[in-house]
Amino acid sequence: MAKNTQPVLKRCKTLGLSPAVLGYSKETTRTPKQTRRKQSEYGRQLMEKQKVKFIYGVLEKQFHRYYEKAERKRGITGEIMLQELERRLDNVVFRMGFASTRREARQLVNHGHFTVNGKRCNVPSAQVKPGDVIAVCEKSRSSVKFKALIEEYGKKTMPKWIERTAESFEGKIVAMPARDDIDYEVSENLIVEHYSR
């Protein structure tokens, strides 16, 4: 399985992202270099695509499939694509506060710590839908890791489309994610333009 092993803070600086979007509290102390060159239209489109790919931990082939899937559906292609990415199981686990970063959430899902509607699921890219109940497996609930995350839960802001009560090891998807639930700056129309060239 291919994976991105680039240093997170260095990549965040390149893409102009805050590490907090990825779940990291550490900030970079380096000042960005001032470049005089004006970025081309293609460069801006590519940067937006790389930013979204990096946030969700998706490589090019899989990301292009998300775009093609969004293009086939009715509606605004860019928003549908972001909605599909938000509905990934590893992202939902991160949003619920069961992991401190999306990378950690992906690993926990891979190791089989979560169930979807009572069935164990170890596929990070599995799509959840409204009505699905995501829970920590019974065996994993007694681990120190998950107990610490449950205590930290109060600090995490929950999106409107996910419902989870404090001190519980499960959450429910109550609606489809909306565009205003995306908590980082992105111009999805540039990504659509990039792929529709």
N, C-alpha and C. Protein backbone atom coordinates (compact mmCIF):
# COMPACT_ATOMS: atom_id res chain seq x y z
N MET A 1 0.84 -1.18 0.00
CA MET A 1 0.00 0.00 0.00
C MET A 1 0.88 1.25 0.00
N ALA A 2 0.63 2.17 -0.90
CA ALA A 2 1.39 3.42 -0.98
C ALA A 2 0.92 4.38 0.10
N LYS A 3 1.85 5.14 0.64
CA LYS A 3 1.46 6.15 1.62
C LYS A 3 2.37 7.36 1.53
N ASN A 4 1.87 8.49 1.97
CA ASN A 4 2.60 9.74 1.94
C ASN A 4 3.43 9.85 3.20
N THR A 5 4.76 9.94 3.06
CA THR A 5 5.64 10.00 4.23
C THR A 5 6.31 11.36 4.39
N GLN A 6 5.79 12.37 3.73
CA GLN A 6 6.38 13.71 3.83
C GLN A 6 6.18 14.28 5.23
N PRO A 7 7.12 15.11 5.72
CA PRO A 7 6.94 15.77 7.01
C PRO A 7 5.70 16.68 6.97
N VAL A 8 4.83 16.53 7.96
CA VAL A 8 3.54 17.21 7.96
C VAL A 8 3.68 18.73 8.00
N LEU A 9 4.51 19.25 8.89
CA LEU A 9 4.62 20.71 9.02
C LEU A 9 5.23 21.35 7.77
N LYS A 10 6.19 20.65 7.16
CA LYS A 10 6.81 21.17 5.94
C LYS A 10 5.78 21.23 4.81
N ARG A 11 4.97 20.18 4.70
CA ARG A 11 3.95 20.11 3.65
C ARG A 11 2.87 21.17 3.90
N CYS A 12 2.49 21.36 5.17
CA CYS A 12 1.49 22.38 5.52
C CYS A 12 1.97 23.77 5.11
N LYS A 13 3.25 24.04 5.35
CA LYS A 13 3.83 25.34 5.00
C LYS A 13 3.79 25.55 3.49
N THR A 14 4.13 24.50 2.73
CA THR A 14 4.12 24.58 1.27
C THR A 14 2.73 24.86 0.74
N LEU A 15 1.73 24.20 1.31
CA LEU A 15 0.36 24.32 0.83
C LEU A 15 -0.40 25.49 1.46
N GLY A 16 0.22 26.17 2.41
CA GLY A 16 -0.42 27.31 3.06
C GLY A 16 -1.54 26.89 4.00
N LEU A 17 -1.37 25.74 4.65
CA LEU A 17 -2.39 25.20 5.56
C LEU A 17 -1.97 25.38 7.01
N SER A 18 -2.92 25.46 7.89
CA SER A 18 -2.62 25.45 9.32
C SER A 18 -2.56 23.99 9.76
N PRO A 19 -1.54 23.58 10.52
CA PRO A 19 -1.47 22.19 10.99
C PRO A 19 -2.68 21.80 11.85
N ALA A 20 -3.38 22.77 12.41
CA ALA A 20 -4.56 22.50 13.23
C ALA A 20 -5.67 21.81 12.43
N VAL A 21 -5.73 22.07 11.12
CA VAL A 21 -6.72 21.44 10.24
C VAL A 21 -6.53 19.93 10.23
N LEU A 22 -5.26 19.51 10.33
CA LEU A 22 -4.93 18.08 10.31
C LEU A 22 -4.97 17.47 11.71
N GLY A 23 -5.16 18.28 12.72
CA GLY A 23 -5.22 17.77 14.09
C GLY A 23 -3.94 17.96 14.87
N TYR A 24 -2.95 18.63 14.29
CA TYR A 24 -1.68 18.87 14.97
C TYR A 24 -1.72 20.21 15.65
N SER A 25 -1.26 20.25 16.91
CA SER A 25 -1.30 21.51 17.65
C SER A 25 -0.02 22.32 17.43
N LYS A 26 1.03 21.66 16.95
CA LYS A 26 2.32 22.33 16.76
C LYS A 26 2.26 23.27 15.56
N GLU A 27 2.79 24.44 15.74
CA GLU A 27 2.85 25.43 14.65
C GLU A 27 4.29 25.54 14.16
N THR A 28 4.46 25.84 12.92
CA THR A 28 5.80 26.05 12.38
C THR A 28 6.28 27.45 12.75
N THR A 29 7.56 27.56 13.09
CA THR A 29 8.11 28.86 13.49
C THR A 29 8.85 29.52 12.34
N ARG A 30 9.01 28.81 11.25
CA ARG A 30 9.71 29.37 10.10
C ARG A 30 8.81 30.36 9.37
N THR A 31 9.44 31.42 8.90
CA THR A 31 8.66 32.39 8.11
C THR A 31 8.71 31.98 6.65
N PRO A 32 7.57 32.02 5.95
CA PRO A 32 7.58 31.61 4.54
C PRO A 32 8.39 32.57 3.69
N LYS A 33 9.09 32.00 2.71
CA LYS A 33 9.88 32.82 1.80
C LYS A 33 8.94 33.61 0.89
N GLN A 34 9.30 34.87 0.66
CA GLN A 34 8.50 35.70 -0.22
C GLN A 34 8.94 35.45 -1.67
N THR A 35 8.04 34.94 -2.47
CA THR A 35 8.36 34.72 -3.88
C THR A 35 7.75 35.84 -4.71
N ARG A 36 8.50 36.29 -5.68
CA ARG A 36 8.03 37.38 -6.53
C ARG A 36 7.24 36.88 -7.72
N ARG A 37 7.44 35.61 -8.04
CA ARG A 37 6.75 35.07 -9.22
C ARG A 37 5.25 34.96 -8.97
N LYS A 38 4.51 35.36 -9.95
CA LYS A 38 3.06 35.25 -9.86
C LYS A 38 2.69 33.81 -10.22
N GLN A 39 1.80 33.22 -9.42
CA GLN A 39 1.42 31.83 -9.66
C GLN A 39 0.45 31.76 -10.84
N SER A 40 0.68 30.79 -11.72
CA SER A 40 -0.18 30.63 -12.89
C SER A 40 -1.53 30.03 -12.47
N GLU A 41 -2.48 30.08 -13.38
CA GLU A 41 -3.81 29.50 -13.12
C GLU A 41 -3.69 28.00 -12.87
N TYR A 42 -2.87 27.34 -13.68
CA TYR A 42 -2.64 25.89 -13.50
C TYR A 42 -2.02 25.62 -12.14
N GLY A 43 -1.06 26.46 -11.72
CA GLY A 43 -0.40 26.30 -10.43
C GLY A 43 -1.39 26.42 -9.28
N ARG A 44 -2.32 27.36 -9.36
CA ARG A 44 -3.34 27.53 -8.31
C ARG A 44 -4.27 26.32 -8.25
N GLN A 45 -4.66 25.82 -9.43
CA GLN A 45 -5.53 24.64 -9.48
C GLN A 45 -4.83 23.42 -8.88
N LEU A 46 -3.57 23.24 -9.24
CA LEU A 46 -2.80 22.10 -8.74
C LEU A 46 -2.61 22.19 -7.23
N MET A 47 -2.36 23.39 -6.73
CA MET A 47 -2.17 23.61 -5.29
C MET A 47 -3.43 23.25 -4.50
N GLU A 48 -4.60 23.64 -5.00
CA GLU A 48 -5.86 23.32 -4.33
C GLU A 48 -6.09 21.80 -4.29
N LYS A 49 -5.78 21.15 -5.43
CA LYS A 49 -5.95 19.70 -5.50
C LYS A 49 -5.01 19.01 -4.50
N GLN A 50 -3.76 19.44 -4.47
CA GLN A 50 -2.79 18.83 -3.55
C GLN A 50 -3.15 19.07 -2.09
N LYS A 51 -3.72 20.23 -1.82
CA LYS A 51 -4.13 20.57 -0.45
C LYS A 51 -5.20 19.59 0.05
N VAL A 52 -6.24 19.38 -0.76
CA VAL A 52 -7.34 18.48 -0.36
C VAL A 52 -6.86 17.04 -0.27
N LYS A 53 -6.02 16.62 -1.22
CA LYS A 53 -5.46 15.27 -1.18
C LYS A 53 -4.67 15.05 0.10
N PHE A 54 -3.88 16.05 0.49
CA PHE A 54 -3.04 15.94 1.67
C PHE A 54 -3.87 15.91 2.95
N ILE A 55 -4.91 16.72 3.02
CA ILE A 55 -5.76 16.77 4.22
C ILE A 55 -6.40 15.41 4.48
N TYR A 56 -6.95 14.79 3.44
CA TYR A 56 -7.66 13.52 3.62
C TYR A 56 -6.75 12.30 3.49
N GLY A 57 -5.47 12.49 3.14
CA GLY A 57 -4.54 11.37 3.03
C GLY A 57 -4.85 10.45 1.87
N VAL A 58 -5.28 11.03 0.75
CA VAL A 58 -5.67 10.26 -0.43
C VAL A 58 -4.64 10.49 -1.52
N LEU A 59 -4.28 9.43 -2.25
CA LEU A 59 -3.34 9.57 -3.36
C LEU A 59 -4.09 9.87 -4.65
N GLU A 60 -3.35 10.17 -5.72
CA GLU A 60 -3.93 10.69 -6.96
C GLU A 60 -4.99 9.80 -7.58
N LYS A 61 -4.72 8.50 -7.71
CA LYS A 61 -5.65 7.60 -8.39
C LYS A 61 -7.01 7.57 -7.67
N GLN A 62 -6.96 7.44 -6.37
CA GLN A 62 -8.19 7.39 -5.57
C GLN A 62 -8.92 8.73 -5.60
N PHE A 63 -8.15 9.83 -5.54
CA PHE A 63 -8.75 11.16 -5.56
C PHE A 63 -9.46 11.40 -6.89
N HIS A 64 -8.87 10.95 -7.99
CA HIS A 64 -9.47 11.10 -9.31
C HIS A 64 -10.78 10.30 -9.39
N ARG A 65 -10.82 9.15 -8.74
CA ARG A 65 -12.06 8.35 -8.71
C ARG A 65 -13.17 9.10 -7.97
N TYR A 66 -12.80 9.80 -6.88
CA TYR A 66 -13.79 10.60 -6.16
C TYR A 66 -14.34 11.70 -7.07
N TYR A 67 -13.48 12.32 -7.85
CA TYR A 67 -13.91 13.36 -8.79
C TYR A 67 -14.87 12.78 -9.83
N GLU A 68 -14.50 11.63 -10.41
CA GLU A 68 -15.34 11.00 -11.44
C GLU A 68 -16.71 10.61 -10.87
N LYS A 69 -16.71 10.11 -9.64
CA LYS A 69 -17.96 9.73 -8.98
C LYS A 69 -18.85 10.96 -8.76
N ALA A 70 -18.23 12.07 -8.33
CA ALA A 70 -18.96 13.32 -8.10
C ALA A 70 -19.50 13.90 -9.40
N GLU A 71 -18.74 13.73 -10.48
CA GLU A 71 -19.14 14.26 -11.79
C GLU A 71 -20.39 13.55 -12.32
N ARG A 72 -20.52 12.27 -12.00
CA ARG A 72 -21.67 11.49 -12.47
C ARG A 72 -22.96 11.83 -11.72
N LYS A 73 -22.82 12.38 -10.50
CA LYS A 73 -24.00 12.71 -9.70
C LYS A 73 -24.55 14.07 -10.07
N ARG A 74 -25.83 14.28 -9.76
CA ARG A 74 -26.47 15.58 -10.00
C ARG A 74 -26.08 16.57 -8.92
N GLY A 75 -25.81 17.79 -9.33
CA GLY A 75 -25.45 18.83 -8.37
C GLY A 75 -24.12 19.48 -8.72
N ILE A 76 -23.57 20.21 -7.76
CA ILE A 76 -22.30 20.91 -7.95
C ILE A 76 -21.18 19.91 -7.70
N THR A 77 -20.40 19.64 -8.74
CA THR A 77 -19.38 18.59 -8.70
C THR A 77 -18.39 18.77 -7.55
N GLY A 78 -17.87 19.98 -7.36
CA GLY A 78 -16.88 20.24 -6.31
C GLY A 78 -17.41 19.96 -4.93
N GLU A 79 -18.64 20.39 -4.66
CA GLU A 79 -19.24 20.18 -3.34
C GLU A 79 -19.52 18.69 -3.10
N ILE A 80 -19.98 17.99 -4.13
CA ILE A 80 -20.26 16.56 -4.00
C ILE A 80 -18.97 15.80 -3.71
N MET A 81 -17.87 16.19 -4.37
CA MET A 81 -16.58 15.54 -4.16
C MET A 81 -16.11 15.73 -2.72
N LEU A 82 -16.24 16.95 -2.19
CA LEU A 82 -15.85 17.20 -0.79
C LEU A 82 -16.75 16.42 0.16
N GLN A 83 -18.03 16.30 -0.19
CA GLN A 83 -18.97 15.53 0.62
C GLN A 83 -18.57 14.06 0.68
N GLU A 84 -18.16 13.50 -0.47
CA GLU A 84 -17.71 12.11 -0.54
C GLU A 84 -16.47 11.90 0.33
N LEU A 85 -15.54 12.85 0.28
CA LEU A 85 -14.33 12.75 1.09
C LEU A 85 -14.64 12.85 2.58
N GLU A 86 -15.57 13.72 2.95
CA GLU A 86 -15.96 13.88 4.36
C GLU A 86 -16.61 12.61 4.90
N ARG A 87 -17.27 11.85 4.04
CA ARG A 87 -18.00 10.66 4.48
C ARG A 87 -17.11 9.42 4.60
N ARG A 88 -15.82 9.56 4.35
CA ARG A 88 -14.89 8.43 4.55
C ARG A 88 -14.86 8.05 6.02
N LEU A 89 -14.76 6.75 6.31
CA LEU A 89 -14.79 6.27 7.70
C LEU A 89 -13.65 6.85 8.52
N ASP A 90 -12.44 6.93 7.96
CA ASP A 90 -11.32 7.47 8.75
C ASP A 90 -11.54 8.94 9.11
N ASN A 91 -12.15 9.71 8.20
CA ASN A 91 -12.44 11.11 8.48
C ASN A 91 -13.53 11.23 9.56
N VAL A 92 -14.55 10.37 9.49
CA VAL A 92 -15.64 10.40 10.48
C VAL A 92 -15.10 10.06 11.87
N VAL A 93 -14.20 9.08 11.94
CA VAL A 93 -13.57 8.71 13.22
C VAL A 93 -12.81 9.90 13.79
N PHE A 94 -12.08 10.62 12.93
CA PHE A 94 -11.35 11.82 13.36
C PHE A 94 -12.31 12.90 13.82
N ARG A 95 -13.38 13.13 13.06
CA ARG A 95 -14.36 14.17 13.39
C ARG A 95 -15.08 13.87 14.70
N MET A 96 -15.27 12.58 15.01
CA MET A 96 -15.95 12.21 16.25
C MET A 96 -15.05 12.36 17.47
N GLY A 97 -13.75 12.52 17.25
CA GLY A 97 -12.83 12.69 18.36
C GLY A 97 -12.23 11.39 18.86
N PHE A 98 -12.35 10.30 18.09
CA PHE A 98 -11.76 9.03 18.47
C PHE A 98 -10.29 8.94 18.08
N ALA A 99 -9.79 9.93 17.37
CA ALA A 99 -8.37 10.01 16.99
C ALA A 99 -7.97 11.47 16.94
N SER A 100 -6.71 11.75 17.24
CA SER A 100 -6.27 13.15 17.26
C SER A 100 -5.91 13.68 15.87
N THR A 101 -5.58 12.79 14.92
CA THR A 101 -5.31 13.21 13.54
C THR A 101 -5.98 12.23 12.58
N ARG A 102 -6.09 12.63 11.31
CA ARG A 102 -6.68 11.73 10.30
C ARG A 102 -5.77 10.54 10.04
N ARG A 103 -4.46 10.75 10.12
CA ARG A 103 -3.51 9.64 9.94
C ARG A 103 -3.70 8.59 11.03
N GLU A 104 -3.87 9.06 12.25
CA GLU A 104 -4.08 8.14 13.37
C GLU A 104 -5.42 7.41 13.20
N ALA A 105 -6.44 8.14 12.76
CA ALA A 105 -7.76 7.54 12.54
C ALA A 105 -7.68 6.44 11.49
N ARG A 106 -6.93 6.70 10.43
CA ARG A 106 -6.76 5.70 9.36
C ARG A 106 -6.12 4.43 9.91
N GLN A 107 -5.10 4.59 10.76
CA GLN A 107 -4.41 3.43 11.33
C GLN A 107 -5.33 2.67 12.28
N LEU A 108 -6.09 3.38 13.10
CA LEU A 108 -7.01 2.72 14.03
C LEU A 108 -8.09 1.94 13.29
N VAL A 109 -8.59 2.50 12.20
CA VAL A 109 -9.60 1.80 11.38
C VAL A 109 -8.96 0.56 10.75
N ASN A 110 -7.74 0.71 10.22
CA ASN A 110 -7.02 -0.42 9.62
C ASN A 110 -6.84 -1.57 10.60
N HIS A 111 -6.63 -1.24 11.87
CA HIS A 111 -6.41 -2.25 12.89
C HIS A 111 -7.70 -2.84 13.44
N GLY A 112 -8.84 -2.41 12.90
CA GLY A 112 -10.12 -3.00 13.25
C GLY A 112 -10.69 -2.59 14.60
N HIS A 113 -10.47 -1.36 15.01
CA HIS A 113 -10.99 -0.88 16.31
C HIS A 113 -12.42 -0.35 16.25
N PHE A 114 -13.03 -0.31 15.05
CA PHE A 114 -14.35 0.31 14.92
C PHE A 114 -15.36 -0.60 14.24
N THR A 115 -16.63 -0.38 14.60
CA THR A 115 -17.73 -1.09 13.95
C THR A 115 -18.65 -0.07 13.29
N VAL A 116 -19.25 -0.47 12.19
CA VAL A 116 -20.26 0.34 11.53
C VAL A 116 -21.53 -0.48 11.55
N ASN A 117 -22.55 0.00 12.25
CA ASN A 117 -23.82 -0.71 12.43
C ASN A 117 -23.62 -2.11 13.01
N GLY A 118 -22.69 -2.22 13.96
CA GLY A 118 -22.46 -3.50 14.65
C GLY A 118 -21.49 -4.44 13.96
N LYS A 119 -21.06 -4.13 12.74
CA LYS A 119 -20.12 -5.00 12.01
C LYS A 119 -18.76 -4.34 11.97
N ARG A 120 -17.73 -5.11 12.30
CA ARG A 120 -16.38 -4.57 12.29
C ARG A 120 -15.97 -4.16 10.87
N CYS A 121 -15.36 -3.00 10.77
CA CYS A 121 -14.94 -2.48 9.46
C CYS A 121 -13.49 -2.01 9.57
N ASN A 122 -12.62 -2.52 8.68
CA ASN A 122 -11.22 -2.10 8.70
C ASN A 122 -10.79 -1.44 7.39
N VAL A 123 -11.77 -0.83 6.71
CA VAL A 123 -11.51 -0.14 5.44
C VAL A 123 -11.65 1.37 5.66
N PRO A 124 -10.53 2.12 5.69
CA PRO A 124 -10.60 3.56 5.95
C PRO A 124 -11.43 4.34 4.94
N SER A 125 -11.51 3.87 3.70
CA SER A 125 -12.24 4.60 2.66
C SER A 125 -13.71 4.22 2.59
N ALA A 126 -14.19 3.36 3.50
CA ALA A 126 -15.60 2.97 3.51
C ALA A 126 -16.47 4.21 3.69
N GLN A 127 -17.54 4.30 2.90
CA GLN A 127 -18.42 5.47 2.94
C GLN A 127 -19.54 5.25 3.96
N VAL A 128 -19.74 6.23 4.83
CA VAL A 128 -20.85 6.15 5.78
C VAL A 128 -22.01 6.96 5.23
N LYS A 129 -23.22 6.64 5.70
CA LYS A 129 -24.40 7.36 5.22
C LYS A 129 -25.29 7.70 6.42
N PRO A 130 -26.25 8.61 6.26
CA PRO A 130 -27.12 8.97 7.38
C PRO A 130 -27.81 7.74 7.96
N GLY A 131 -27.80 7.66 9.28
CA GLY A 131 -28.39 6.52 9.98
C GLY A 131 -27.35 5.52 10.47
N ASP A 132 -26.13 5.57 9.92
CA ASP A 132 -25.07 4.65 10.34
C ASP A 132 -24.59 4.99 11.75
N VAL A 133 -24.30 3.94 12.53
CA VAL A 133 -23.79 4.11 13.89
C VAL A 133 -22.35 3.61 13.89
N ILE A 134 -21.42 4.49 14.21
CA ILE A 134 -20.00 4.13 14.27
C ILE A 134 -19.63 4.03 15.75
N ALA A 135 -19.05 2.89 16.13
CA ALA A 135 -18.72 2.66 17.53
C ALA A 135 -17.33 2.04 17.66
N VAL A 136 -16.74 2.23 18.84
CA VAL A 136 -15.47 1.58 19.16
C VAL A 136 -15.80 0.14 19.57
N CYS A 137 -15.01 -0.84 19.08
CA CYS A 137 -15.24 -2.25 19.42
C CYS A 137 -15.18 -2.46 20.93
N GLU A 138 -15.90 -3.46 21.41
CA GLU A 138 -15.96 -3.75 22.85
C GLU A 138 -14.56 -3.97 23.44
N LYS A 139 -13.72 -4.73 22.75
CA LYS A 139 -12.36 -5.03 23.26
C LYS A 139 -11.53 -3.77 23.39
N SER A 140 -11.68 -2.84 22.46
CA SER A 140 -10.85 -1.63 22.43
C SER A 140 -11.28 -0.59 23.47
N ARG A 141 -12.51 -0.67 23.95
CA ARG A 141 -13.03 0.35 24.87
C ARG A 141 -12.25 0.43 26.18
N SER A 142 -11.67 -0.68 26.60
CA SER A 142 -10.95 -0.69 27.88
C SER A 142 -9.51 -0.18 27.75
N SER A 143 -9.06 0.08 26.53
CA SER A 143 -7.67 0.54 26.33
C SER A 143 -7.48 1.96 26.86
N VAL A 144 -6.27 2.24 27.30
CA VAL A 144 -5.91 3.56 27.84
C VAL A 144 -6.09 4.64 26.78
N LYS A 145 -5.74 4.30 25.54
CA LYS A 145 -5.82 5.25 24.42
C LYS A 145 -7.23 5.82 24.26
N PHE A 146 -8.22 4.94 24.18
CA PHE A 146 -9.59 5.40 23.95
C PHE A 146 -10.17 6.08 25.19
N LYS A 147 -9.80 5.65 26.38
CA LYS A 147 -10.27 6.32 27.60
C LYS A 147 -9.76 7.76 27.64
N ALA A 148 -8.50 7.96 27.24
CA ALA A 148 -7.91 9.31 27.22
C ALA A 148 -8.61 10.18 26.18
N LEU A 149 -8.93 9.60 25.02
CA LEU A 149 -9.61 10.35 23.96
C LEU A 149 -11.03 10.75 24.38
N ILE A 150 -11.72 9.88 25.11
CA ILE A 150 -13.07 10.19 25.59
C ILE A 150 -13.02 11.37 26.57
N GLU A 151 -11.98 11.40 27.43
CA GLU A 151 -11.83 12.52 28.37
C GLU A 151 -11.55 13.83 27.64
N GLU A 152 -10.80 13.76 26.54
CA GLU A 152 -10.45 14.94 25.75
C GLU A 152 -11.59 15.41 24.88
N TYR A 153 -12.65 14.62 24.77
CA TYR A 153 -13.75 14.88 23.82
C TYR A 153 -14.34 16.27 23.95
N GLY A 154 -14.44 16.80 25.17
CA GLY A 154 -15.05 18.11 25.41
C GLY A 154 -14.41 19.25 24.64
N LYS A 155 -13.10 19.10 24.30
CA LYS A 155 -12.38 20.16 23.59
C LYS A 155 -12.69 20.17 22.10
N LYS A 156 -13.20 19.07 21.58
CA LYS A 156 -13.40 18.93 20.13
C LYS A 156 -14.77 19.46 19.71
N THR A 157 -14.79 20.24 18.64
CA THR A 157 -16.06 20.73 18.11
C THR A 157 -16.59 19.70 17.11
N MET A 158 -17.84 19.36 17.27
CA MET A 158 -18.46 18.33 16.44
C MET A 158 -19.24 18.97 15.29
N PRO A 159 -19.07 18.45 14.06
CA PRO A 159 -19.86 18.99 12.95
C PRO A 159 -21.35 18.68 13.14
N LYS A 160 -22.21 19.46 12.49
CA LYS A 160 -23.67 19.30 12.66
C LYS A 160 -24.19 17.96 12.18
N TRP A 161 -23.50 17.34 11.22
CA TRP A 161 -24.00 16.10 10.63
C TRP A 161 -23.64 14.85 11.43
N ILE A 162 -22.90 15.02 12.52
CA ILE A 162 -22.54 13.88 13.39
C ILE A 162 -23.12 14.14 14.78
N GLU A 163 -23.70 13.11 15.37
CA GLU A 163 -24.28 13.23 16.71
C GLU A 163 -23.56 12.25 17.63
N ARG A 164 -23.02 12.78 18.72
CA ARG A 164 -22.34 11.92 19.68
C ARG A 164 -22.46 12.52 21.07
N THR A 165 -22.84 11.70 22.02
CA THR A 165 -22.96 12.19 23.39
C THR A 165 -21.62 12.03 24.10
N ALA A 166 -21.35 12.90 25.05
CA ALA A 166 -20.10 12.82 25.81
C ALA A 166 -20.07 11.51 26.60
N GLU A 167 -18.86 11.03 26.84
CA GLU A 167 -18.63 9.79 27.59
C GLU A 167 -19.19 8.54 26.90
N SER A 168 -19.48 8.62 25.60
CA SER A 168 -19.96 7.43 24.90
C SER A 168 -18.93 7.00 23.87
N PHE A 169 -18.92 5.72 23.56
CA PHE A 169 -17.97 5.18 22.60
C PHE A 169 -18.61 5.01 21.23
N GLU A 170 -19.70 5.70 20.97
CA GLU A 170 -20.32 5.60 19.65
C GLU A 170 -20.94 6.93 19.23
N GLY A 171 -21.14 7.05 17.92
CA GLY A 171 -21.75 8.24 17.35
C GLY A 171 -22.61 7.86 16.17
N LYS A 172 -23.49 8.77 15.78
CA LYS A 172 -24.42 8.48 14.69
C LYS A 172 -24.34 9.56 13.63
N ILE A 173 -24.43 9.14 12.37
CA ILE A 173 -24.47 10.09 11.25
C ILE A 173 -25.93 10.49 11.08
N VAL A 174 -26.24 11.77 11.30
CA VAL A 174 -27.63 12.22 11.25
C VAL A 174 -28.01 12.88 9.93
N ALA A 175 -27.03 13.30 9.15
CA ALA A 175 -27.31 13.95 7.86
C ALA A 175 -26.08 13.85 6.97
N MET A 176 -26.25 14.28 5.73
CA MET A 176 -25.11 14.34 4.81
C MET A 176 -24.31 15.60 5.15
N PRO A 177 -22.98 15.56 5.04
CA PRO A 177 -22.19 16.77 5.32
C PRO A 177 -22.48 17.87 4.30
N ALA A 178 -22.60 19.10 4.77
CA ALA A 178 -22.86 20.25 3.90
C ALA A 178 -21.55 20.98 3.61
N ARG A 179 -21.58 21.89 2.65
CA ARG A 179 -20.36 22.63 2.27
C ARG A 179 -19.84 23.47 3.43
N ASP A 180 -20.72 24.05 4.23
CA ASP A 180 -20.27 24.89 5.34
C ASP A 180 -19.72 24.09 6.52
N ASP A 181 -19.77 22.75 6.46
CA ASP A 181 -19.17 21.91 7.50
C ASP A 181 -17.67 21.72 7.28
N ILE A 182 -17.18 22.10 6.10
CA ILE A 182 -15.75 21.98 5.81
C ILE A 182 -15.04 23.08 6.59
N ASP A 183 -14.08 22.68 7.44
CA ASP A 183 -13.46 23.64 8.36
C ASP A 183 -12.12 24.19 7.89
N TYR A 184 -11.86 24.17 6.60
CA TYR A 184 -10.63 24.74 6.07
C TYR A 184 -10.94 25.46 4.76
N GLU A 185 -10.05 26.37 4.38
CA GLU A 185 -10.25 27.16 3.15
C GLU A 185 -9.91 26.32 1.93
N VAL A 186 -10.87 26.16 1.03
CA VAL A 186 -10.61 25.44 -0.21
C VAL A 186 -11.50 25.99 -1.32
N SER A 187 -10.93 26.09 -2.51
CA SER A 187 -11.71 26.50 -3.69
C SER A 187 -11.91 25.27 -4.56
N GLU A 188 -12.97 24.54 -4.29
CA GLU A 188 -13.21 23.27 -5.01
C GLU A 188 -13.44 23.47 -6.50
N ASN A 189 -13.89 24.68 -6.89
CA ASN A 189 -14.09 24.95 -8.32
C ASN A 189 -12.78 24.90 -9.10
N LEU A 190 -11.65 25.23 -8.44
CA LEU A 190 -10.34 25.15 -9.09
C LEU A 190 -9.96 23.69 -9.36
N ILE A 191 -10.35 22.79 -8.45
CA ILE A 191 -10.07 21.36 -8.62
C ILE A 191 -10.86 20.82 -9.79
N VAL A 192 -12.13 21.24 -9.87
CA VAL A 192 -12.98 20.81 -10.99
C VAL A 192 -12.42 21.31 -12.31
N GLU A 193 -11.97 22.57 -12.33
CA GLU A 193 -11.36 23.14 -13.54
C GLU A 193 -10.10 22.36 -13.93
N HIS A 194 -9.32 21.97 -12.92
CA HIS A 194 -8.08 21.23 -13.17
C HIS A 194 -8.38 19.90 -13.88
N TYR A 195 -9.39 19.18 -13.41
CA TYR A 195 -9.71 17.87 -13.98
C TYR A 195 -10.48 17.98 -15.30
N SER A 196 -11.19 19.09 -15.52
CA SER A 196 -11.98 19.20 -16.73
C SER A 196 -11.23 19.88 -17.87
N ARG A 197 -9.91 20.03 -17.73
CA ARG A 197 -9.11 20.64 -18.81
C ARG A 197 -9.14 19.74 -20.04
